[in-house]
Amino acid sequence: MPMPIYEYQCAVCGRRFAHFWRSMQAADQNPSPDCPQCQSPETQRVLSQVAVLGSLGGMTPTEQRRQEAQQQRLASITSKEQIDKLRTTKKKD
């Protein structure tokens, strides 16, 4: 059974916080939790930002850096064809 984590924002102090619910039903049936900073009951559920990472269709920042570094390493390597061409040209001189 999914255990949702929802984000809330306090109308009094403006703090944004996450709250873990034991079930979807509990999240739907209970009022918004009190603010952990000022204890105000005036909180409202807000939309969370979502990031798609890894096998879900995107790359994490670490994966992006690794890929860029690999591309730079490959770009700095002289291909075998280029080396052979340089050797052939040098032999002619």
PDB file of N, CA and C in Angstrom:
ATOM      1  N   MET A   1       0.844  -1.176   0.000  1.00  0.00           N
ATOM      2  CA  MET A   1       0.000   0.000   0.000  1.00  0.00           C
ATOM      3  C   MET A   1       0.896   1.248   0.000  1.00  0.00           C
ATOM      4  N   PRO A   2       0.637   2.224  -0.873  1.00  0.00           N
ATOM      5  CA  PRO A   2       1.470   3.417  -0.938  1.00  0.00           C
ATOM      6  C   PRO A   2       1.344   4.268   0.324  1.00  0.00           C
ATOM      7  N   MET A   3       2.459   4.843   0.729  1.00  0.00           N
ATOM      8  CA  MET A   3       2.491   5.740   1.877  1.00  0.00           C
ATOM      9  C   MET A   3       2.916   7.112   1.372  1.00  0.00           C
ATOM     10  N   PRO A   4       1.963   8.010   1.148  1.00  0.00           N
ATOM     11  CA  PRO A   4       2.287   9.280   0.517  1.00  0.00           C
ATOM     12  C   PRO A   4       2.971  10.279   1.441  1.00  0.00           C
ATOM     13  N   ILE A   5       3.787  11.113   0.831  1.00  0.00           N
ATOM     14  CA  ILE A   5       4.382  12.258   1.506  1.00  0.00           C
ATOM     15  C   ILE A   5       3.881  13.476   0.749  1.00  0.00           C
ATOM     16  N   TYR A   6       3.180  14.346   1.452  1.00  0.00           N
ATOM     17  CA  TYR A   6       2.647  15.557   0.836  1.00  0.00           C
ATOM     18  C   TYR A   6       3.388  16.766   1.382  1.00  0.00           C
ATOM     19  N   GLU A   7       3.462  17.815   0.565  1.00  0.00           N
ATOM     20  CA  GLU A   7       4.050  19.074   1.011  1.00  0.00           C
ATOM     21  C   GLU A   7       2.945  20.035   1.377  1.00  0.00           C
ATOM     22  N   TYR A   8       3.197  20.814   2.428  1.00  0.00           N
ATOM     23  CA  TYR A   8       2.245  21.800   2.914  1.00  0.00           C
ATOM     24  C   TYR A   8       2.966  23.131   3.087  1.00  0.00           C
ATOM     25  N   GLN A   9       2.181  24.216   3.099  1.00  0.00           N
ATOM     26  CA  GLN A   9       2.740  25.538   3.379  1.00  0.00           C
ATOM     27  C   GLN A   9       1.871  26.194   4.441  1.00  0.00           C
ATOM     28  N   CYS A  10       2.538  26.813   5.398  1.00  0.00           N
ATOM     29  CA  CYS A  10       1.849  27.484   6.488  1.00  0.00           C
ATOM     30  C   CYS A  10       1.419  28.879   6.037  1.00  0.00           C
ATOM     31  N   ALA A  11       0.156  29.223   6.277  1.00  0.00           N
ATOM     32  CA  ALA A  11      -0.367  30.541   5.908  1.00  0.00           C
ATOM     33  C   ALA A  11       0.114  31.624   6.869  1.00  0.00           C
ATOM     34  N   VAL A  12       0.566  31.239   8.067  1.00  0.00           N
ATOM     35  CA  VAL A  12       0.988  32.217   9.073  1.00  0.00           C
ATOM     36  C   VAL A  12       2.461  32.589   8.912  1.00  0.00           C
ATOM     37  N   CYS A  13       3.348  31.579   8.933  1.00  0.00           N
ATOM     38  CA  CYS A  13       4.792  31.881   8.877  1.00  0.00           C
ATOM     39  C   CYS A  13       5.407  31.634   7.498  1.00  0.00           C
ATOM     40  N   GLY A  14       4.677  30.986   6.599  1.00  0.00           N
ATOM     41  CA  GLY A  14       5.172  30.758   5.244  1.00  0.00           C
ATOM     42  C   GLY A  14       6.054  29.538   5.073  1.00  0.00           C
ATOM     43  N   ARG A  15       6.319  28.830   6.159  1.00  0.00           N
ATOM     44  CA  ARG A  15       7.189  27.652   6.061  1.00  0.00           C
ATOM     45  C   ARG A  15       6.557  26.583   5.178  1.00  0.00           C
ATOM     46  N   ARG A  16       7.396  25.966   4.360  1.00  0.00           N
ATOM     47  CA  ARG A  16       6.972  24.849   3.512  1.00  0.00           C
ATOM     48  C   ARG A  16       7.576  23.587   4.120  1.00  0.00           C
ATOM     49  N   PHE A  17       6.746  22.557   4.311  1.00  0.00           N
ATOM     50  CA  PHE A  17       7.233  21.340   4.955  1.00  0.00           C
ATOM     51  C   PHE A  17       6.548  20.112   4.360  1.00  0.00           C
ATOM     52  N   ALA A  18       7.164  18.972   4.571  1.00  0.00           N
ATOM     53  CA  ALA A  18       6.619  17.700   4.093  1.00  0.00           C
ATOM     54  C   ALA A  18       5.996  16.952   5.263  1.00  0.00           C
ATOM     55  N   HIS A  19       4.925  16.207   4.962  1.00  0.00           N
ATOM     56  CA  HIS A  19       4.275  15.389   5.993  1.00  0.00           C
ATOM     57  C   HIS A  19       4.034  13.993   5.423  1.00  0.00           C
ATOM     58  N   PHE A  20       4.422  13.001   6.198  1.00  0.00           N
ATOM     59  CA  PHE A  20       4.278  11.599   5.819  1.00  0.00           C
ATOM     60  C   PHE A  20       2.958  11.059   6.372  1.00  0.00           C
ATOM     61  N   TRP A  21       2.148  10.461   5.501  1.00  0.00           N
ATOM     62  CA  TRP A  21       0.887   9.840   5.904  1.00  0.00           C
ATOM     63  C   TRP A  21       1.026   8.324   5.797  1.00  0.00           C
ATOM     64  N   ARG A  22       0.395   7.592   6.673  1.00  0.00           N
ATOM     65  CA  ARG A  22       0.496   6.128   6.669  1.00  0.00           C
ATOM     66  C   ARG A  22      -0.252   5.492   5.502  1.00  0.00           C
ATOM     67  N   SER A  23      -1.239   6.202   4.947  1.00  0.00           N
ATOM     68  CA  SER A  23      -1.987   5.666   3.807  1.00  0.00           C
ATOM     69  C   SER A  23      -2.610   6.816   3.028  1.00  0.00           C
ATOM     70  N   MET A  24      -3.037   6.529   1.801  1.00  0.00           N
ATOM     71  CA  MET A  24      -3.724   7.530   0.987  1.00  0.00           C
ATOM     72  C   MET A  24      -5.040   7.921   1.661  1.00  0.00           C
ATOM     73  N   GLN A  25      -5.707   6.958   2.245  1.00  0.00           N
ATOM     74  CA  GLN A  25      -6.985   7.201   2.911  1.00  0.00           C
ATOM     75  C   GLN A  25      -6.793   8.162   4.089  1.00  0.00           C
ATOM     76  N   ALA A  26      -5.734   7.969   4.871  1.00  0.00           N
ATOM     77  CA  ALA A  26      -5.464   8.849   6.008  1.00  0.00           C
ATOM     78  C   ALA A  26      -5.207  10.280   5.528  1.00  0.00           C
ATOM     79  N   ALA A  27      -4.498  10.418   4.421  1.00  0.00           N
ATOM     80  CA  ALA A  27      -4.207  11.745   3.874  1.00  0.00           C
ATOM     81  C   ALA A  27      -5.473  12.439   3.410  1.00  0.00           C
ATOM     82  N   ASP A  28      -6.401  11.674   2.848  1.00  0.00           N
ATOM     83  CA  ASP A  28      -7.636  12.255   2.347  1.00  0.00           C
ATOM     84  C   ASP A  28      -8.641  12.562   3.452  1.00  0.00           C
ATOM     85  N   GLN A  29      -8.630  11.792   4.530  1.00  0.00           N
ATOM     86  CA  GLN A  29      -9.641  11.936   5.578  1.00  0.00           C
ATOM     87  C   GLN A  29      -9.247  12.900   6.692  1.00  0.00           C
ATOM     88  N   ASN A  30      -7.970  13.171   6.874  1.00  0.00           N
ATOM     89  CA  ASN A  30      -7.512  14.023   7.969  1.00  0.00           C
ATOM     90  C   ASN A  30      -7.297  15.456   7.500  1.00  0.00           C
ATOM     91  N   PRO A  31      -7.445  16.403   8.423  1.00  0.00           N
ATOM     92  CA  PRO A  31      -7.149  17.787   8.062  1.00  0.00           C
ATOM     93  C   PRO A  31      -5.640  17.966   7.854  1.00  0.00           C
ATOM     94  N   SER A  32      -5.265  19.077   7.286  1.00  0.00           N
ATOM     95  CA  SER A  32      -3.844  19.363   7.083  1.00  0.00           C
ATOM     96  C   SER A  32      -3.136  19.392   8.426  1.00  0.00           C
ATOM     97  N   PRO A  33      -1.877  18.940   8.480  1.00  0.00           N
ATOM     98  CA  PRO A  33      -1.148  18.930   9.750  1.00  0.00           C
ATOM     99  C   PRO A  33      -0.776  20.350  10.190  1.00  0.00           C
ATOM    100  N   ASP A  34      -0.542  20.509  11.484  1.00  0.00           N
ATOM    101  CA  ASP A  34      -0.105  21.799  12.008  1.00  0.00           C
ATOM    102  C   ASP A  34       1.321  22.089  11.538  1.00  0.00           C
ATOM    103  N   CYS A  35       1.639  23.349  11.441  1.00  0.00           N
ATOM    104  CA  CYS A  35       2.987  23.767  11.038  1.00  0.00           C
ATOM    105  C   CYS A  35       3.993  23.368  12.112  1.00  0.00           C
ATOM    106  N   PRO A  36       5.105  22.710  11.734  1.00  0.00           N
ATOM    107  CA  PRO A  36       6.100  22.307  12.731  1.00  0.00           C
ATOM    108  C   PRO A  36       6.881  23.496  13.295  1.00  0.00           C
ATOM    109  N   GLN A  37       6.845  24.649  12.620  1.00  0.00           N
ATOM    110  CA  GLN A  37       7.603  25.813  13.093  1.00  0.00           C
ATOM    111  C   GLN A  37       6.791  26.654  14.079  1.00  0.00           C
ATOM    112  N   CYS A  38       5.568  27.040  13.684  1.00  0.00           N
ATOM    113  CA  CYS A  38       4.774  27.935  14.541  1.00  0.00           C
ATOM    114  C   CYS A  38       3.535  27.253  15.137  1.00  0.00           C
ATOM    115  N   GLN A  39       3.327  25.993  14.821  1.00  0.00           N
ATOM    116  CA  GLN A  39       2.208  25.183  15.312  1.00  0.00           C
ATOM    117  C   GLN A  39       0.833  25.696  14.864  1.00  0.00           C
ATOM    118  N   SER A  40       0.791  26.523  13.851  1.00  0.00           N
ATOM    119  CA  SER A  40      -0.479  27.007  13.329  1.00  0.00           C
ATOM    120  C   SER A  40      -1.203  25.892  12.585  1.00  0.00           C
ATOM    121  N   PRO A  41      -2.520  25.784  12.755  1.00  0.00           N
ATOM    122  CA  PRO A  41      -3.285  24.795  12.001  1.00  0.00           C
ATOM    123  C   PRO A  41      -3.625  25.286  10.586  1.00  0.00           C
ATOM    124  N   GLU A  42      -3.239  26.514  10.273  1.00  0.00           N
ATOM    125  CA  GLU A  42      -3.562  27.107   8.978  1.00  0.00           C
ATOM    126  C   GLU A  42      -2.528  26.708   7.924  1.00  0.00           C
ATOM    127  N   THR A  43      -2.570  25.468   7.518  1.00  0.00           N
ATOM    128  CA  THR A  43      -1.660  24.963   6.492  1.00  0.00           C
ATOM    129  C   THR A  43      -2.470  24.467   5.308  1.00  0.00           C
ATOM    130  N   GLN A  44      -1.826  24.472   4.159  1.00  0.00           N
ATOM    131  CA  GLN A  44      -2.506  24.047   2.932  1.00  0.00           C
ATOM    132  C   GLN A  44      -1.556  23.179   2.120  1.00  0.00           C
ATOM    133  N   ARG A  45      -2.102  22.124   1.553  1.00  0.00           N
ATOM    134  CA  ARG A  45      -1.290  21.233   0.717  1.00  0.00           C
ATOM    135  C   ARG A  45      -0.928  21.960  -0.573  1.00  0.00           C
ATOM    136  N   VAL A  46       0.337  21.829  -0.994  1.00  0.00           N
ATOM    137  CA  VAL A  46       0.815  22.480  -2.212  1.00  0.00           C
ATOM    138  C   VAL A  46       1.369  21.432  -3.168  1.00  0.00           C
ATOM    139  N   LEU A  47       1.484  21.795  -4.422  1.00  0.00           N
ATOM    140  CA  LEU A  47       2.063  20.890  -5.419  1.00  0.00           C
ATOM    141  C   LEU A  47       3.566  20.807  -5.220  1.00  0.00           C
ATOM    142  N   SER A  48       4.081  19.616  -5.257  1.00  0.00           N
ATOM    143  CA  SER A  48       5.518  19.399  -5.113  1.00  0.00           C
ATOM    144  C   SER A  48       6.193  19.451  -6.465  1.00  0.00           C
ATOM    145  N   GLN A  49       7.455  19.877  -6.475  1.00  0.00           N
ATOM    146  CA  GLN A  49       8.239  19.821  -7.700  1.00  0.00           C
ATOM    147  C   GLN A  49       8.692  18.388  -7.896  1.00  0.00           C
ATOM    148  N   VAL A  50       8.678  17.958  -9.134  1.00  0.00           N
ATOM    149  CA  VAL A  50       9.035  16.578  -9.439  1.00  0.00           C
ATOM    150  C   VAL A  50      10.243  16.578 -10.369  1.00  0.00           C
ATOM    151  N   ALA A  51      11.168  15.686 -10.111  1.00  0.00           N
ATOM    152  CA  ALA A  51      12.330  15.518 -10.974  1.00  0.00           C
ATOM    153  C   ALA A  51      12.319  14.100 -11.529  1.00  0.00           C
ATOM    154  N   VAL A  52      12.539  13.969 -12.820  1.00  0.00           N
ATOM    155  CA  VAL A  52      12.618  12.656 -13.445  1.00  0.00           C
ATOM    156  C   VAL A  52      14.103  12.343 -13.609  1.00  0.00           C
ATOM    157  N   LEU A  53      14.543  11.281 -12.955  1.00  0.00           N
ATOM    158  CA  LEU A  53      15.962  10.953 -12.943  1.00  0.00           C
ATOM    159  C   LEU A  53      16.204   9.507 -13.332  1.00  0.00           C
ATOM    160  N   GLY A  54      17.461   9.249 -13.673  1.00  0.00           N
ATOM    161  CA  GLY A  54      17.908   7.886 -13.916  1.00  0.00           C
ATOM    162  C   GLY A  54      17.118   7.153 -14.970  1.00  0.00           C
ATOM    163  N   SER A  55      16.735   5.933 -14.661  1.00  0.00           N
ATOM    164  CA  SER A  55      16.065   5.072 -15.632  1.00  0.00           C
ATOM    165  C   SER A  55      14.670   5.560 -16.001  1.00  0.00           C
ATOM    166  N   LEU A  56      14.178   6.585 -15.321  1.00  0.00           N
ATOM    167  CA  LEU A  56      12.850   7.109 -15.626  1.00  0.00           C
ATOM    168  C   LEU A  56      12.861   8.069 -16.799  1.00  0.00           C
ATOM    169  N   GLY A  57      13.999   8.352 -17.365  1.00  0.00           N
ATOM    170  CA  GLY A  57      14.014   9.196 -18.549  1.00  0.00           C
ATOM    171  C   GLY A  57      15.017  10.316 -18.523  1.00  0.00           C
ATOM    172  N   GLY A  58      15.643  10.565 -17.420  1.00  0.00           N
ATOM    173  CA  GLY A  58      16.613  11.642 -17.332  1.00  0.00           C
ATOM    174  C   GLY A  58      17.868  11.156 -16.647  1.00  0.00           C
ATOM    175  N   MET A  59      18.797  12.050 -16.476  1.00  0.00           N
ATOM    176  CA  MET A  59      20.035  11.698 -15.797  1.00  0.00           C
ATOM    177  C   MET A  59      20.172  12.557 -14.551  1.00  0.00           C
ATOM    178  N   THR A  60      20.780  11.987 -13.529  1.00  0.00           N
ATOM    179  CA  THR A  60      21.072  12.759 -12.335  1.00  0.00           C
ATOM    180  C   THR A  60      22.213  13.716 -12.671  1.00  0.00           C
ATOM    181  N   PRO A  61      22.412  14.761 -11.874  1.00  0.00           N
ATOM    182  CA  PRO A  61      23.535  15.671 -12.130  1.00  0.00           C
ATOM    183  C   PRO A  61      24.879  14.946 -12.158  1.00  0.00           C
ATOM    184  N   THR A  62      25.051  13.949 -11.315  1.00  0.00           N
ATOM    185  CA  THR A  62      26.304  13.178 -11.305  1.00  0.00           C
ATOM    186  C   THR A  62      26.468  12.419 -12.613  1.00  0.00           C
ATOM    187  N   GLU A  63      25.396  11.806 -13.099  1.00  0.00           N
ATOM    188  CA  GLU A  63      25.455  11.081 -14.373  1.00  0.00           C
ATOM    189  C   GLU A  63      25.753  12.035 -15.523  1.00  0.00           C
ATOM    190  N   GLN A  64      25.186  13.239 -15.497  1.00  0.00           N
ATOM    191  CA  GLN A  64      25.449  14.228 -16.541  1.00  0.00           C
ATOM    192  C   GLN A  64      26.915  14.633 -16.549  1.00  0.00           C
ATOM    193  N   ARG A  65      27.481  14.881 -15.355  1.00  0.00           N
ATOM    194  CA  ARG A  65      28.911  15.260 -15.272  1.00  0.00           C
ATOM    195  C   ARG A  65      29.805  14.142 -15.790  1.00  0.00           C
ATOM    196  N   ARG A  66      29.482  12.893 -15.436  1.00  0.00           N
ATOM    197  CA  ARG A  66      30.275  11.762 -15.920  1.00  0.00           C
ATOM    198  C   ARG A  66      30.211  11.652 -17.439  1.00  0.00           C
ATOM    199  N   GLN A  67      29.018  11.812 -17.986  1.00  0.00           N
ATOM    200  CA  GLN A  67      28.868  11.712 -19.440  1.00  0.00           C
ATOM    201  C   GLN A  67      29.644  12.834 -20.140  1.00  0.00           C
ATOM    202  N   GLU A  68      29.563  14.056 -19.615  1.00  0.00           N
ATOM    203  CA  GLU A  68      30.295  15.170 -20.208  1.00  0.00           C
ATOM    204  C   GLU A  68      31.796  14.940 -20.132  1.00  0.00           C
ATOM    205  N   ALA A  69      32.281  14.430 -18.998  1.00  0.00           N
ATOM    206  CA  ALA A  69      33.708  14.143 -18.846  1.00  0.00           C
ATOM    207  C   ALA A  69      34.149  13.064 -19.832  1.00  0.00           C
ATOM    208  N   GLN A  70      33.329  12.028 -20.008  1.00  0.00           N
ATOM    209  CA  GLN A  70      33.643  10.958 -20.963  1.00  0.00           C
ATOM    210  C   GLN A  70      33.687  11.505 -22.385  1.00  0.00           C
ATOM    211  N   GLN A  71      32.751  12.380 -22.731  1.00  0.00           N
ATOM    212  CA  GLN A  71      32.738  12.975 -24.066  1.00  0.00           C
ATOM    213  C   GLN A  71      33.973  13.835 -24.293  1.00  0.00           C
ATOM    214  N   GLN A  72      34.409  14.562 -23.270  1.00  0.00           N
ATOM    215  CA  GLN A  72      35.621  15.365 -23.394  1.00  0.00           C
ATOM    216  C   GLN A  72      36.852  14.482 -23.573  1.00  0.00           C
ATOM    217  N   ARG A  73      36.908  13.379 -22.811  1.00  0.00           N
ATOM    218  CA  ARG A  73      38.048  12.456 -22.964  1.00  0.00           C
ATOM    219  C   ARG A  73      38.077  11.873 -24.375  1.00  0.00           C
ATOM    220  N   LEU A  74      36.918  11.456 -24.868  1.00  0.00           N
ATOM    221  CA  LEU A  74      36.857  10.880 -26.217  1.00  0.00           C
ATOM    222  C   LEU A  74      37.212  11.917 -27.282  1.00  0.00           C
ATOM    223  N   ALA A  75      36.816  13.151 -27.086  1.00  0.00           N
ATOM    224  CA  ALA A  75      37.113  14.209 -28.055  1.00  0.00           C
ATOM    225  C   ALA A  75      38.604  14.521 -28.088  1.00  0.00           C
ATOM    226  N   SER A  76      39.296  14.269 -26.984  1.00  0.00           N
ATOM    227  CA  SER A  76      40.726  14.583 -26.939  1.00  0.00           C
ATOM    228  C   SER A  76      41.596  13.454 -27.487  1.00  0.00           C
ATOM    229  N   ILE A  77      41.009  12.308 -27.779  1.00  0.00           N
ATOM    230  CA  ILE A  77      41.757  11.158 -28.293  1.00  0.00           C
ATOM    231  C   ILE A  77      41.871  11.257 -29.817  1.00  0.00           C
ATOM    232  N   THR A  78      43.068  11.039 -30.309  1.00  0.00           N
ATOM    233  CA  THR A  78      43.297  11.027 -31.753  1.00  0.00           C
ATOM    234  C   THR A  78      42.930   9.645 -32.283  1.00  0.00           C
ATOM    235  N   SER A  79      42.107   9.597 -33.309  1.00  0.00           N
ATOM    236  CA  SER A  79      41.657   8.318 -33.842  1.00  0.00           C
ATOM    237  C   SER A  79      42.782   7.581 -34.559  1.00  0.00           C
ATOM    238  N   LYS A  80      42.638   6.268 -34.718  1.00  0.00           N
ATOM    239  CA  LYS A  80      43.631   5.447 -35.403  1.00  0.00           C
ATOM    240  C   LYS A  80      43.800   5.912 -36.845  1.00  0.00           C
ATOM    241  N   GLU A  81      42.719   6.289 -37.499  1.00  0.00           N
ATOM    242  CA  GLU A  81      42.792   6.756 -38.887  1.00  0.00           C
ATOM    243  C   GLU A  81      43.640   8.024 -38.980  1.00  0.00           C
ATOM    244  N   GLN A  82      43.456   8.933 -38.013  1.00  0.00           N
ATOM    245  CA  GLN A  82      44.239  10.160 -38.027  1.00  0.00           C
ATOM    246  C   GLN A  82      45.717   9.877 -37.779  1.00  0.00           C
ATOM    247  N   ILE A  83      46.003   8.954 -36.880  1.00  0.00           N
ATOM    248  CA  ILE A  83      47.395   8.599 -36.591  1.00  0.00           C
ATOM    249  C   ILE A  83      48.043   7.975 -37.829  1.00  0.00           C
ATOM    250  N   ASP A  84      47.331   7.040 -38.484  1.00  0.00           N
ATOM    251  CA  ASP A  84      47.859   6.407 -39.693  1.00  0.00           C
ATOM    252  C   ASP A  84      48.118   7.450 -40.779  1.00  0.00           C
ATOM    253  N   LYS A  85      47.213   8.399 -40.923  1.00  0.00           N
ATOM    254  CA  LYS A  85      47.370   9.445 -41.932  1.00  0.00           C
ATOM    255  C   LYS A  85      48.596  10.305 -41.625  1.00  0.00           C
ATOM    256  N   LEU A  86      48.784  10.654 -40.352  1.00  0.00           N
ATOM    257  CA  LEU A  86      49.952  11.446 -39.960  1.00  0.00           C
ATOM    258  C   LEU A  86      51.249  10.670 -40.216  1.00  0.00           C
ATOM    259  N   ARG A  87      51.250   9.372 -39.918  1.00  0.00           N
ATOM    260  CA  ARG A  87      52.434   8.545 -40.166  1.00  0.00           C
ATOM    261  C   ARG A  87      52.750   8.477 -41.662  1.00  0.00           C
ATOM    262  N   THR A  88      51.729   8.290 -42.476  1.00  0.00           N
ATOM    263  CA  THR A  88      51.916   8.227 -43.926  1.00  0.00           C
ATOM    264  C   THR A  88      52.480   9.532 -44.453  1.00  0.00           C
ATOM    265  N   THR A  89      51.940  10.640 -43.986  1.00  0.00           N
ATOM    266  CA  THR A  89      52.418  11.944 -44.401  1.00  0.00           C
ATOM    267  C   THR A  89      53.852  12.161 -43.957  1.00  0.00           C
ATOM    268  N   LYS A  90      54.205  11.733 -42.764  1.00  0.00           N
ATOM    269  CA  LYS A  90      55.563  11.925 -42.249  1.00  0.00           C
ATOM    270  C   LYS A  90      56.553  11.081 -43.034  1.00  0.00           C
ATOM    271  N   LYS A  91      56.172   9.857 -43.439  1.00  0.00           N
ATOM    272  CA  LYS A  91      57.078   9.002 -44.213  1.00  0.00           C
ATOM    273  C   LYS A  91      57.393   9.610 -45.570  1.00  0.00           C
ATOM    274  N   LYS A  92      56.431  10.314 -46.149  1.00  0.00           N
ATOM    275  CA  LYS A  92      56.648  10.948 -47.454  1.00  0.00           C
ATOM    276  C   LYS A  92      57.670  12.069 -47.352  1.00  0.00           C
ATOM    277  N   ASP A  93      57.731  12.734 -46.197  1.00  0.00           N
ATOM    278  CA  ASP A  93      58.670  13.857 -46.025  1.00  0.00           C
ATOM    279  C   ASP A  93      60.034  13.314 -45.845  1.00  0.00           C
TER     280      ASP A  93
END
